[in-house]
Structure formats: C-alpha cells, structure tokens
Amino acid sequence: MTFEQVFPHLKTGACITRTAWGLDSTFLYYVPSHRFIVNSPPLDTIYPTGAELTYQAHIDQRRANGTHSTWRATDDDLLAHDWIILRG
C-alpha cells in the first residue's frame, strides 16, 4: 500500500508500518490535538505549574527499542509502496 492509502486509517486510530522497517515493533500512530497541564520539568521552568498548553496533532513513531518520538517522513517513506496496517 502507499502512504496515501494508509493515512486515513492512521487518523482513525490504526498503527501503520513499512515492511522495509522489518516489522520489529516499529510503527506510526496518530496523536490528535490535545491539552496538557504543566506539572513537571522542563516545562515548569518555562510556564507556571498548572498552565494549560495545547499540543497540535502529529504523528509519533514507536521504535524497536521501545522509545517514542515525533515522526518526520522521508521522501522514501512518502513514495514507498510497502506500507501495511498493523491494527486498527
């Protein structure tokens, strides 16, 4: 599948991955816009504790080592035809 084909599934809660990534627990998931209450460092050094921040919607990636971060697509990712839906 192409990224264009899996993207609508991503936005409804599915986890997606590429076969080129080896299917080793590396996948993407959609994080909708949400509000966050400041309660810990480093944010409480910038904003007062209890301040409310709004995070924009974004796509996160779970990596094989269990860490999570925001995902930045490469040209290879966007043009690939090996996308699959893991669940959702």
N, C-alpha and C. Protein backbone atom coordinates (compact mmCIF):
# COMPACT_ATOMS: atom_id res chain seq x y z
N MET A 1 0.84 -1.18 0.00
CA MET A 1 0.00 0.00 0.00
C MET A 1 0.89 1.24 0.00
N THR A 2 0.33 2.35 -0.44
CA THR A 2 1.05 3.61 -0.41
C THR A 2 0.70 4.36 0.88
N PHE A 3 1.47 5.40 1.17
CA PHE A 3 1.17 6.21 2.35
C PHE A 3 -0.20 6.85 2.22
N GLU A 4 -0.55 7.28 1.01
CA GLU A 4 -1.86 7.88 0.79
C GLU A 4 -2.99 6.91 1.13
N GLN A 5 -2.77 5.63 0.91
CA GLN A 5 -3.79 4.62 1.21
C GLN A 5 -3.91 4.33 2.70
N VAL A 6 -2.80 4.36 3.43
CA VAL A 6 -2.85 4.03 4.85
C VAL A 6 -3.14 5.24 5.74
N PHE A 7 -2.90 6.44 5.23
CA PHE A 7 -3.07 7.63 6.05
C PHE A 7 -4.47 7.77 6.64
N PRO A 8 -5.55 7.55 5.89
CA PRO A 8 -6.88 7.66 6.50
C PRO A 8 -7.05 6.69 7.68
N HIS A 9 -6.47 5.51 7.61
CA HIS A 9 -6.54 4.54 8.71
C HIS A 9 -5.76 5.04 9.92
N LEU A 10 -4.62 5.65 9.66
CA LEU A 10 -3.80 6.21 10.73
C LEU A 10 -4.60 7.23 11.53
N LYS A 11 -5.33 8.08 10.85
CA LYS A 11 -6.09 9.14 11.53
C LYS A 11 -7.30 8.61 12.29
N THR A 12 -7.69 7.34 12.08
CA THR A 12 -8.81 6.77 12.84
C THR A 12 -8.33 5.80 13.92
N GLY A 13 -7.02 5.82 14.21
CA GLY A 13 -6.51 5.03 15.33
C GLY A 13 -5.67 3.82 14.98
N ALA A 14 -5.47 3.55 13.71
CA ALA A 14 -4.66 2.39 13.32
C ALA A 14 -3.18 2.68 13.54
N CYS A 15 -2.42 1.63 13.71
CA CYS A 15 -0.96 1.70 13.72
C CYS A 15 -0.50 1.19 12.36
N ILE A 16 0.45 1.91 11.76
CA ILE A 16 0.95 1.51 10.45
C ILE A 16 2.46 1.36 10.48
N THR A 17 2.98 0.58 9.54
CA THR A 17 4.42 0.39 9.44
C THR A 17 4.80 0.11 8.00
N ARG A 18 6.09 0.03 7.76
CA ARG A 18 6.62 -0.34 6.44
C ARG A 18 7.32 -1.67 6.57
N THR A 19 7.18 -2.52 5.57
CA THR A 19 7.91 -3.79 5.61
C THR A 19 9.41 -3.54 5.58
N ALA A 20 9.84 -2.43 4.99
CA ALA A 20 11.28 -2.09 4.96
C ALA A 20 11.83 -1.84 6.36
N TRP A 21 10.96 -1.54 7.31
CA TRP A 21 11.40 -1.33 8.68
C TRP A 21 11.57 -2.63 9.44
N GLY A 22 11.23 -3.76 8.81
CA GLY A 22 11.49 -5.06 9.40
C GLY A 22 10.41 -5.60 10.30
N LEU A 23 9.30 -4.89 10.47
CA LEU A 23 8.19 -5.38 11.32
C LEU A 23 8.66 -5.76 12.71
N ASP A 24 9.60 -5.01 13.24
CA ASP A 24 10.19 -5.32 14.55
C ASP A 24 9.68 -4.37 15.63
N SER A 25 8.40 -4.14 15.66
CA SER A 25 7.76 -3.27 16.65
C SER A 25 7.99 -1.79 16.37
N THR A 26 8.39 -1.44 15.15
CA THR A 26 8.48 -0.05 14.75
C THR A 26 7.21 0.29 13.99
N PHE A 27 6.49 1.29 14.47
CA PHE A 27 5.25 1.66 13.81
C PHE A 27 4.92 3.12 14.09
N LEU A 28 3.97 3.65 13.33
CA LEU A 28 3.50 5.01 13.48
C LEU A 28 2.09 5.01 14.07
N TYR A 29 1.77 6.07 14.79
CA TYR A 29 0.41 6.26 15.29
C TYR A 29 0.12 7.75 15.37
N TYR A 30 -1.14 8.08 15.21
CA TYR A 30 -1.60 9.46 15.17
C TYR A 30 -1.91 9.95 16.58
N VAL A 31 -1.45 11.15 16.90
CA VAL A 31 -1.75 11.78 18.19
C VAL A 31 -2.58 13.02 17.90
N PRO A 32 -3.87 13.00 18.24
CA PRO A 32 -4.70 14.17 17.96
C PRO A 32 -4.30 15.36 18.82
N SER A 33 -4.74 16.53 18.43
CA SER A 33 -4.52 17.73 19.22
C SER A 33 -5.09 17.51 20.62
N HIS A 34 -4.36 17.95 21.62
CA HIS A 34 -4.84 17.76 22.99
C HIS A 34 -4.26 18.83 23.90
N ARG A 35 -4.86 18.96 25.06
CA ARG A 35 -4.39 19.91 26.07
C ARG A 35 -3.57 19.17 27.11
N PHE A 36 -2.58 19.86 27.63
CA PHE A 36 -1.66 19.28 28.60
C PHE A 36 -1.50 20.27 29.74
N ILE A 37 -1.58 19.80 30.96
CA ILE A 37 -1.37 20.64 32.14
C ILE A 37 0.09 20.53 32.56
N VAL A 38 0.77 21.66 32.64
CA VAL A 38 2.18 21.69 33.03
C VAL A 38 2.31 21.22 34.47
N ASN A 39 3.15 20.18 34.67
CA ASN A 39 3.31 19.66 36.03
C ASN A 39 4.70 19.10 36.30
N SER A 40 5.65 19.25 35.34
CA SER A 40 6.98 18.67 35.55
C SER A 40 8.00 19.36 34.66
N PRO A 41 9.28 19.18 34.99
CA PRO A 41 10.35 19.75 34.17
C PRO A 41 10.35 19.09 32.79
N PRO A 42 10.80 19.74 31.78
CA PRO A 42 11.34 21.09 31.79
C PRO A 42 10.27 22.17 31.63
N LEU A 43 9.03 21.77 31.36
CA LEU A 43 8.00 22.78 31.09
C LEU A 43 7.74 23.69 32.28
N ASP A 44 7.85 23.15 33.50
CA ASP A 44 7.55 24.01 34.66
C ASP A 44 8.64 25.04 34.93
N THR A 45 9.73 24.98 34.19
CA THR A 45 10.75 26.03 34.28
C THR A 45 10.46 27.15 33.26
N ILE A 46 9.54 26.87 32.34
CA ILE A 46 9.18 27.84 31.30
C ILE A 46 7.81 28.45 31.59
N TYR A 47 6.86 27.60 32.01
CA TYR A 47 5.49 28.01 32.29
C TYR A 47 5.18 27.70 33.75
N PRO A 48 4.23 28.41 34.34
CA PRO A 48 3.87 28.09 35.72
C PRO A 48 3.19 26.72 35.82
N THR A 49 3.45 26.02 36.90
CA THR A 49 2.78 24.74 37.13
C THR A 49 1.27 24.97 37.09
N GLY A 50 0.57 24.10 36.36
CA GLY A 50 -0.87 24.23 36.21
C GLY A 50 -1.28 24.95 34.93
N ALA A 51 -0.31 25.57 34.25
CA ALA A 51 -0.65 26.22 32.98
C ALA A 51 -1.11 25.16 31.99
N GLU A 52 -2.00 25.55 31.11
CA GLU A 52 -2.54 24.61 30.13
C GLU A 52 -1.95 24.92 28.75
N LEU A 53 -1.35 23.90 28.13
CA LEU A 53 -0.78 24.04 26.80
C LEU A 53 -1.59 23.19 25.83
N THR A 54 -1.68 23.64 24.59
CA THR A 54 -2.34 22.86 23.56
C THR A 54 -1.29 22.33 22.59
N TYR A 55 -1.25 21.02 22.46
CA TYR A 55 -0.35 20.38 21.51
C TYR A 55 -1.10 20.18 20.20
N GLN A 56 -0.43 20.46 19.09
CA GLN A 56 -1.01 20.24 17.77
C GLN A 56 -1.00 18.75 17.45
N ALA A 57 -1.93 18.32 16.61
CA ALA A 57 -1.95 16.93 16.16
C ALA A 57 -0.64 16.62 15.45
N HIS A 58 -0.16 15.39 15.60
CA HIS A 58 1.08 14.97 14.97
C HIS A 58 1.13 13.45 14.87
N ILE A 59 2.15 12.96 14.20
CA ILE A 59 2.36 11.52 14.07
C ILE A 59 3.59 11.15 14.89
N ASP A 60 3.44 10.16 15.75
CA ASP A 60 4.56 9.65 16.55
C ASP A 60 5.00 8.31 16.00
N GLN A 61 6.23 7.96 16.34
CA GLN A 61 6.79 6.67 15.94
C GLN A 61 7.26 5.93 17.17
N ARG A 62 6.87 4.66 17.26
CA ARG A 62 7.43 3.77 18.27
C ARG A 62 8.55 3.01 17.58
N ARG A 63 9.73 3.07 18.16
CA ARG A 63 10.90 2.41 17.58
C ARG A 63 11.08 1.04 18.21
N ALA A 64 11.90 0.22 17.56
CA ALA A 64 12.12 -1.16 18.02
C ALA A 64 12.67 -1.21 19.44
N ASN A 65 13.39 -0.18 19.87
CA ASN A 65 13.95 -0.19 21.22
C ASN A 65 12.96 0.29 22.28
N GLY A 66 11.71 0.58 21.85
CA GLY A 66 10.67 0.97 22.79
C GLY A 66 10.54 2.46 23.03
N THR A 67 11.40 3.27 22.43
CA THR A 67 11.28 4.71 22.59
C THR A 67 10.25 5.27 21.61
N HIS A 68 9.75 6.44 21.92
CA HIS A 68 8.75 7.11 21.09
C HIS A 68 9.22 8.52 20.78
N SER A 69 8.94 8.98 19.57
CA SER A 69 9.27 10.35 19.19
C SER A 69 8.36 10.79 18.07
N THR A 70 8.37 12.10 17.79
CA THR A 70 7.61 12.56 16.64
C THR A 70 8.29 12.02 15.38
N TRP A 71 7.48 11.74 14.38
CA TRP A 71 7.99 11.16 13.13
C TRP A 71 8.13 12.23 12.08
N ARG A 72 9.23 12.19 11.36
CA ARG A 72 9.45 13.06 10.22
C ARG A 72 9.62 12.17 9.00
N ALA A 73 8.72 12.30 8.07
CA ALA A 73 8.74 11.46 6.87
C ALA A 73 9.93 11.80 5.97
N THR A 74 10.49 10.77 5.36
CA THR A 74 11.49 10.97 4.32
C THR A 74 10.79 10.84 2.98
N ASP A 75 11.45 11.26 1.93
CA ASP A 75 10.90 11.06 0.58
C ASP A 75 10.67 9.58 0.33
N ASP A 76 11.61 8.73 0.77
CA ASP A 76 11.47 7.29 0.59
C ASP A 76 10.20 6.78 1.27
N ASP A 77 9.93 7.26 2.48
CA ASP A 77 8.71 6.85 3.19
C ASP A 77 7.46 7.25 2.43
N LEU A 78 7.41 8.50 2.00
CA LEU A 78 6.21 9.01 1.35
C LEU A 78 5.95 8.37 -0.01
N LEU A 79 7.00 7.92 -0.69
CA LEU A 79 6.85 7.34 -2.02
C LEU A 79 6.83 5.81 -2.01
N ALA A 80 6.99 5.21 -0.84
CA ALA A 80 7.07 3.75 -0.74
C ALA A 80 5.72 3.09 -1.00
N HIS A 81 5.78 1.82 -1.40
CA HIS A 81 4.58 1.02 -1.65
C HIS A 81 4.52 -0.19 -0.71
N ASP A 82 5.24 -0.12 0.40
CA ASP A 82 5.28 -1.27 1.32
C ASP A 82 4.63 -0.98 2.67
N TRP A 83 3.74 -0.01 2.71
CA TRP A 83 3.03 0.31 3.95
C TRP A 83 1.98 -0.75 4.25
N ILE A 84 1.85 -1.09 5.51
CA ILE A 84 0.80 -2.02 5.94
C ILE A 84 0.13 -1.50 7.21
N ILE A 85 -1.09 -1.93 7.43
CA ILE A 85 -1.83 -1.59 8.64
C ILE A 85 -1.61 -2.72 9.64
N LEU A 86 -1.07 -2.37 10.81
CA LEU A 86 -0.81 -3.39 11.83
C LEU A 86 -2.07 -3.73 12.61
N ARG A 87 -2.80 -2.70 13.01
CA ARG A 87 -4.03 -2.89 13.78
C ARG A 87 -4.83 -1.62 13.74
N GLY A 88 -6.13 -1.80 13.92
CA GLY A 88 -7.00 -0.64 13.96
C GLY A 88 -7.88 -0.49 12.76
